[in-house]
Amino acid sequence: MQDEALSLVDKVAIPAASGVIGKTLDFGGKISAEPDVVYELCVDEDFAGGTSAQVTLQTSDDNSTFTTVYAYPAIALASGKAGLILTSPHLPVNGVGRYLRVYLAIVGTFTAGKFSVNAQTWSNDRP
């Protein structure tokens, strides 16, 4: 089940430069445990032009100093095809602070490509 409120990036085009992309989630306090949430990185449109792109999830307690809590494997141009899904481990891996955001590092100049990063939640007692 996807919660729109936990969507960090929704079908966003790869920008011209590396940087923070999408929205920053404010959980309202430090997260100590959330075993049923993973974040899926989905390629929504084939990548073109660039060399590679790497998405990281960053966390902060104060919304100014961020550290990486999870780094997805870099996606090479040839692998950046619509339908590719990469899933984070259950977070927090090392603890997630009050804020969570996406940072995108790109190599090369992309002429096409879109991706999304969304929380996916599951119930352990589902049928």
C-alpha atoms as a PDB file:
ATOM      1  CA  MET A   1       0.000   0.000   0.000  1.00  0.00           C
ATOM      2  CA  GLN A   2       1.387   3.400  -0.918  1.00  0.00           C
ATOM      3  CA  ASP A   3       0.727   6.470   1.214  1.00  0.00           C
ATOM      4  CA  GLU A   4       0.786   9.655  -0.874  1.00  0.00           C
ATOM      5  CA  ALA A   5       2.026  11.543   2.183  1.00  0.00           C
ATOM      6  CA  LEU A   6       5.146   9.330   2.154  1.00  0.00           C
ATOM      7  CA  SER A   7       5.985   9.984  -1.487  1.00  0.00           C
ATOM      8  CA  LEU A   8       9.356  11.729  -1.644  1.00  0.00           C
ATOM      9  CA  VAL A   9       9.645  12.038  -5.428  1.00  0.00           C
ATOM     10  CA  ASP A  10       6.870  11.435  -7.957  1.00  0.00           C
ATOM     11  CA  LYS A  11       7.804  10.964 -11.632  1.00  0.00           C
ATOM     12  CA  VAL A  12      10.410  13.718 -11.575  1.00  0.00           C
ATOM     13  CA  ALA A  13      12.703  14.332 -14.536  1.00  0.00           C
ATOM     14  CA  ILE A  14      16.418  13.940 -13.905  1.00  0.00           C
ATOM     15  CA  PRO A  15      17.765  17.486 -13.464  1.00  0.00           C
ATOM     16  CA  ALA A  16      20.865  19.025 -15.036  1.00  0.00           C
ATOM     17  CA  ALA A  17      22.892  18.896 -11.813  1.00  0.00           C
ATOM     18  CA  SER A  18      23.229  16.783  -8.679  1.00  0.00           C
ATOM     19  CA  GLY A  19      21.277  17.903  -5.628  1.00  0.00           C
ATOM     20  CA  VAL A  20      18.276  17.496  -3.359  1.00  0.00           C
ATOM     21  CA  ILE A  21      15.157  16.561  -5.274  1.00  0.00           C
ATOM     22  CA  GLY A  22      11.505  16.202  -4.304  1.00  0.00           C
ATOM     23  CA  LYS A  23      10.088  17.013  -0.913  1.00  0.00           C
ATOM     24  CA  THR A  24      11.464  16.591   2.583  1.00  0.00           C
ATOM     25  CA  LEU A  25       9.265  14.489   4.850  1.00  0.00           C
ATOM     26  CA  ASP A  26       8.757  15.739   8.412  1.00  0.00           C
ATOM     27  CA  PHE A  27       7.871  12.827  10.694  1.00  0.00           C
ATOM     28  CA  GLY A  28       7.277  15.185  13.619  1.00  0.00           C
ATOM     29  CA  GLY A  29       9.953  13.520  15.745  1.00  0.00           C
ATOM     30  CA  LYS A  30      12.860  11.085  15.628  1.00  0.00           C
ATOM     31  CA  ILE A  31      11.887   7.674  14.289  1.00  0.00           C
ATOM     32  CA  SER A  32      13.202   4.822  16.448  1.00  0.00           C
ATOM     33  CA  ALA A  33      11.683   1.829  14.656  1.00  0.00           C
ATOM     34  CA  GLU A  34       9.434   1.294  11.643  1.00  0.00           C
ATOM     35  CA  PRO A  35       9.971  -2.299  10.513  1.00  0.00           C
ATOM     36  CA  ASP A  36       7.222  -2.362   7.900  1.00  0.00           C
ATOM     37  CA  VAL A  37       8.366   0.539   5.686  1.00  0.00           C
ATOM     38  CA  VAL A  38      10.738   0.320   2.749  1.00  0.00           C
ATOM     39  CA  TYR A  39      11.373   2.948   0.087  1.00  0.00           C
ATOM     40  CA  GLU A  40      11.106   1.956  -3.559  1.00  0.00           C
ATOM     41  CA  LEU A  41      13.037   3.738  -6.266  1.00  0.00           C
ATOM     42  CA  CYS A  42      11.136   3.297  -9.541  1.00  0.00           C
ATOM     43  CA  VAL A  43      12.344   4.298 -12.991  1.00  0.00           C
ATOM     44  CA  ASP A  44       9.267   5.784 -14.685  1.00  0.00           C
ATOM     45  CA  GLU A  45      10.845   6.784 -18.029  1.00  0.00           C
ATOM     46  CA  ASP A  46      13.946   5.398 -19.763  1.00  0.00           C
ATOM     47  CA  PHE A  47      17.171   7.264 -19.007  1.00  0.00           C
ATOM     48  CA  ALA A  48      18.946   8.869 -21.957  1.00  0.00           C
ATOM     49  CA  GLY A  49      22.099  10.905 -22.446  1.00  0.00           C
ATOM     50  CA  GLY A  50      23.856  10.640 -19.086  1.00  0.00           C
ATOM     51  CA  THR A  51      26.254   8.067 -17.683  1.00  0.00           C
ATOM     52  CA  SER A  52      24.734   7.156 -14.299  1.00  0.00           C
ATOM     53  CA  ALA A  53      22.471   8.344 -11.505  1.00  0.00           C
ATOM     54  CA  GLN A  54      22.554   7.452  -7.820  1.00  0.00           C
ATOM     55  CA  VAL A  55      19.813   8.161  -5.296  1.00  0.00           C
ATOM     56  CA  THR A  56      20.469   8.392  -1.571  1.00  0.00           C
ATOM     57  CA  LEU A  57      18.032   8.778   1.317  1.00  0.00           C
ATOM     58  CA  GLN A  58      19.231  11.406   3.778  1.00  0.00           C
ATOM     59  CA  THR A  59      18.039  12.086   7.323  1.00  0.00           C
ATOM     60  CA  SER A  60      18.286  14.950   9.787  1.00  0.00           C
ATOM     61  CA  ASP A  61      17.080  15.873  13.257  1.00  0.00           C
ATOM     62  CA  ASP A  62      17.191  19.633  12.554  1.00  0.00           C
ATOM     63  CA  ASN A  63      16.376  19.929   8.800  1.00  0.00           C
ATOM     64  CA  SER A  64      19.755  21.522   8.096  1.00  0.00           C
ATOM     65  CA  THR A  65      22.482  18.911   8.646  1.00  0.00           C
ATOM     66  CA  PHE A  66      21.701  15.737   6.681  1.00  0.00           C
ATOM     67  CA  THR A  67      23.472  12.377   6.623  1.00  0.00           C
ATOM     68  CA  THR A  68      22.927   9.427   4.306  1.00  0.00           C
ATOM     69  CA  VAL A  69      20.889   6.598   5.831  1.00  0.00           C
ATOM     70  CA  TYR A  70      20.746   4.510   2.633  1.00  0.00           C
ATOM     71  CA  ALA A  71      22.372   4.669  -0.819  1.00  0.00           C
ATOM     72  CA  TYR A  72      20.763   2.815  -3.705  1.00  0.00           C
ATOM     73  CA  PRO A  73      23.203   1.276  -6.192  1.00  0.00           C
ATOM     74  CA  ALA A  74      24.145   3.673  -8.981  1.00  0.00           C
ATOM     75  CA  ILE A  75      22.009   3.125 -12.074  1.00  0.00           C
ATOM     76  CA  ALA A  76      24.030   3.031 -15.298  1.00  0.00           C
ATOM     77  CA  LEU A  77      22.450   4.480 -18.425  1.00  0.00           C
ATOM     78  CA  ALA A  78      21.920   1.025 -19.964  1.00  0.00           C
ATOM     79  CA  SER A  79      20.058  -0.170 -16.836  1.00  0.00           C
ATOM     80  CA  GLY A  80      17.845   2.901 -16.425  1.00  0.00           C
ATOM     81  CA  LYS A  81      14.792   1.464 -18.135  1.00  0.00           C
ATOM     82  CA  ALA A  82      11.158   2.136 -17.257  1.00  0.00           C
ATOM     83  CA  GLY A  83       9.923  -0.494 -14.827  1.00  0.00           C
ATOM     84  CA  LEU A  84      13.190  -0.929 -12.904  1.00  0.00           C
ATOM     85  CA  ILE A  85      12.480  -1.024  -9.157  1.00  0.00           C
ATOM     86  CA  LEU A  86      15.118  -0.909  -6.415  1.00  0.00           C
ATOM     87  CA  THR A  87      14.016  -1.353  -2.803  1.00  0.00           C
ATOM     88  CA  SER A  88      15.722  -0.069   0.325  1.00  0.00           C
ATOM     89  CA  PRO A  89      16.059  -2.295   3.353  1.00  0.00           C
ATOM     90  CA  HIS A  90      13.578  -1.668   6.150  1.00  0.00           C
ATOM     91  CA  LEU A  91      14.421   1.724   7.590  1.00  0.00           C
ATOM     92  CA  PRO A  92      15.784   2.875   9.898  1.00  0.00           C
ATOM     93  CA  VAL A  93      19.002   1.088   9.078  1.00  0.00           C
ATOM     94  CA  ASN A  94      20.961   3.312  11.470  1.00  0.00           C
ATOM     95  CA  GLY A  95      18.043   5.364  12.753  1.00  0.00           C
ATOM     96  CA  VAL A  96      16.006   7.925  10.862  1.00  0.00           C
ATOM     97  CA  GLY A  97      15.738  11.426  12.264  1.00  0.00           C
ATOM     98  CA  ARG A  98      12.754  13.718  12.128  1.00  0.00           C
ATOM     99  CA  TYR A  99      13.351  14.630   8.452  1.00  0.00           C
ATOM    100  CA  LEU A 100      13.939  12.443   5.385  1.00  0.00           C
ATOM    101  CA  ARG A 101      14.828  13.596   1.853  1.00  0.00           C
ATOM    102  CA  VAL A 102      16.246  12.358  -1.461  1.00  0.00           C
ATOM    103  CA  TYR A 103      19.600  13.404  -2.902  1.00  0.00           C
ATOM    104  CA  LEU A 104      20.378  12.601  -6.542  1.00  0.00           C
ATOM    105  CA  ALA A 105      23.983  12.405  -7.793  1.00  0.00           C
ATOM    106  CA  ILE A 106      24.291  12.351 -11.562  1.00  0.00           C
ATOM    107  CA  VAL A 107      27.213  11.763 -13.904  1.00  0.00           C
ATOM    108  CA  GLY A 108      26.885  13.180 -17.407  1.00  0.00           C
ATOM    109  CA  THR A 109      24.108  15.169 -18.998  1.00  0.00           C
ATOM    110  CA  PHE A 110      20.763  13.400 -19.102  1.00  0.00           C
ATOM    111  CA  THR A 111      18.351  14.257 -21.900  1.00  0.00           C
ATOM    112  CA  ALA A 112      15.515  12.053 -20.619  1.00  0.00           C
ATOM    113  CA  GLY A 113      14.533   9.957 -17.649  1.00  0.00           C
ATOM    114  CA  LYS A 114      12.073  10.141 -14.777  1.00  0.00           C
ATOM    115  CA  PHE A 115      11.945   8.381 -11.440  1.00  0.00           C
ATOM    116  CA  SER A 116       9.930   8.144  -8.206  1.00  0.00           C
ATOM    117  CA  VAL A 117      10.786   7.310  -4.591  1.00  0.00           C
ATOM    118  CA  ASN A 118       7.852   6.186  -2.445  1.00  0.00           C
ATOM    119  CA  ALA A 119       7.314   4.477   0.882  1.00  0.00           C
ATOM    120  CA  GLN A 120       5.754   1.052   0.663  1.00  0.00           C
ATOM    121  CA  THR A 121       4.157  -0.388   3.771  1.00  0.00           C
ATOM    122  CA  TRP A 122       3.083  -3.918   4.526  1.00  0.00           C
ATOM    123  CA  SER A 123       1.235  -5.574   7.349  1.00  0.00           C
ATOM    124  CA  ASN A 124       2.765  -8.749   8.750  1.00  0.00           C
ATOM    125  CA  ASP A 125      -0.694 -10.183   9.303  1.00  0.00           C
ATOM    126  CA  ARG A 126      -2.048  -9.735   5.805  1.00  0.00           C
ATOM    127  CA  PRO A 127      -3.529 -12.815   4.121  1.00  0.00           C
END
